[in-house]
C-alpha atoms as a PDB file:
ATOM      1  CA  MET A   1     -37.172   0.098 -16.850  1.00  0.00           C
ATOM      2  CA  LEU A   2     -34.921   3.531 -15.795  1.00  0.00           C
ATOM      3  CA  PHE A   3     -34.638   2.269 -12.477  1.00  0.00           C
ATOM      4  CA  TRP A   4     -32.968  -0.963 -13.520  1.00  0.00           C
ATOM      5  CA  VAL A   5     -30.482   0.763 -15.788  1.00  0.00           C
ATOM      6  CA  ILE A   6     -29.509   3.401 -12.867  1.00  0.00           C
ATOM      7  CA  ALA A   7     -29.352   0.293 -10.479  1.00  0.00           C
ATOM      8  CA  ALA A   8     -27.024  -1.300 -13.074  1.00  0.00           C
ATOM      9  CA  ILE A   9     -24.596   1.595 -13.586  1.00  0.00           C
ATOM     10  CA  LEU A  10     -24.544   2.143  -9.658  1.00  0.00           C
ATOM     11  CA  THR A  11     -23.667  -1.331  -9.189  1.00  0.00           C
ATOM     12  CA  LEU A  12     -20.967  -1.419 -11.617  1.00  0.00           C
ATOM     13  CA  GLY A  13     -19.333   1.712 -10.482  1.00  0.00           C
ATOM     14  CA  ALA A  14     -19.351   0.553  -6.870  1.00  0.00           C
ATOM     15  CA  SER A  15     -17.866  -3.186  -8.091  1.00  0.00           C
ATOM     16  CA  LEU A  16     -15.030  -1.257 -10.131  1.00  0.00           C
ATOM     17  CA  ALA A  17     -14.292   1.099  -7.210  1.00  0.00           C
ATOM     18  CA  VAL A  18     -13.600  -2.062  -5.050  1.00  0.00           C
ATOM     19  CA  LEU A  19     -11.945  -4.278  -7.729  1.00  0.00           C
ATOM     20  CA  LEU A  20      -9.759  -2.149  -9.305  1.00  0.00           C
ATOM     21  CA  PRO A  21      -7.534  -1.236  -5.916  1.00  0.00           C
ATOM     22  CA  LEU A  22      -7.813  -4.783  -5.344  1.00  0.00           C
ATOM     23  CA  ALA A  23      -6.374  -5.975  -8.241  1.00  0.00           C
ATOM     24  CA  GLY A  24      -3.163  -3.595  -8.048  1.00  0.00           C
ATOM     25  CA  ALA A  25      -2.703  -4.504  -4.275  1.00  0.00           C
ATOM     26  CA  GLY A  26       0.309  -6.999  -4.717  1.00  0.00           C
ATOM     27  CA  LYS A  27       2.324  -4.894  -7.035  1.00  0.00           C
ATOM     28  CA  ASP A  28       4.214  -2.772  -4.601  1.00  0.00           C
ATOM     29  CA  GLU A  29       5.273  -5.558  -2.156  1.00  0.00           C
ATOM     30  CA  SER A  30       8.884  -5.696  -3.043  1.00  0.00           C
ATOM     31  CA  GLY A  31       9.178  -2.215  -2.437  1.00  0.00           C
ATOM     32  CA  ALA A  32       7.973  -2.276   1.342  1.00  0.00           C
ATOM     33  CA  GLY A  33      11.005  -4.569   2.310  1.00  0.00           C
ATOM     34  CA  ASP A  34      13.694  -2.150   0.398  1.00  0.00           C
ATOM     35  CA  ASN A  35      12.201   0.573   2.822  1.00  0.00           C
ATOM     36  CA  ASP A  36      12.213  -1.471   6.036  1.00  0.00           C
ATOM     37  CA  LEU A  37      15.621  -2.775   5.247  1.00  0.00           C
ATOM     38  CA  GLU A  38      16.863   1.058   4.909  1.00  0.00           C
ATOM     39  CA  VAL A  39      15.033   2.042   8.246  1.00  0.00           C
ATOM     40  CA  TYR A  40      17.198  -0.843   9.876  1.00  0.00           C
ATOM     41  CA  ARG A  41      20.395   0.501   8.543  1.00  0.00           C
ATOM     42  CA  ASP A  42      19.594   3.853   9.764  1.00  0.00           C
ATOM     43  CA  GLN A  43      18.614   2.641  13.565  1.00  0.00           C
ATOM     44  CA  LEU A  44      21.944   0.517  13.384  1.00  0.00           C
ATOM     45  CA  SER A  45      23.918   3.360  12.403  1.00  0.00           C
ATOM     46  CA  GLU A  46      22.287   5.517  15.479  1.00  0.00           C
ATOM     47  CA  LEU A  47      23.214   2.659  17.945  1.00  0.00           C
ATOM     48  CA  ASP A  48      26.895   3.022  16.621  1.00  0.00           C
ATOM     49  CA  ARG A  49      26.562   6.403  16.872  1.00  0.00           C
ATOM     50  CA  ASP A  50      25.456   6.275  20.534  1.00  0.00           C
ATOM     51  CA  VAL A  51      28.175   3.561  21.414  1.00  0.00           C
ATOM     52  CA  ALA A  52      30.633   5.759  20.171  1.00  0.00           C
ATOM     53  CA  ARG A  53      29.608   8.580  22.342  1.00  0.00           C
ATOM     54  CA  GLY A  54      29.325   6.479  25.356  1.00  0.00           C
END
């Protein structure tokens, strides 16, 4: 009986360790696009500086 209790607790812990990060995975996707846009603008400004220098 003790084996089954320990096995159930370990199974529950492993399931939570996998499912909790998956449940919150889609929350930060809008922020990633903003970061990409900032990097793109920075690259464009670097290109403008390079063109101005010759």
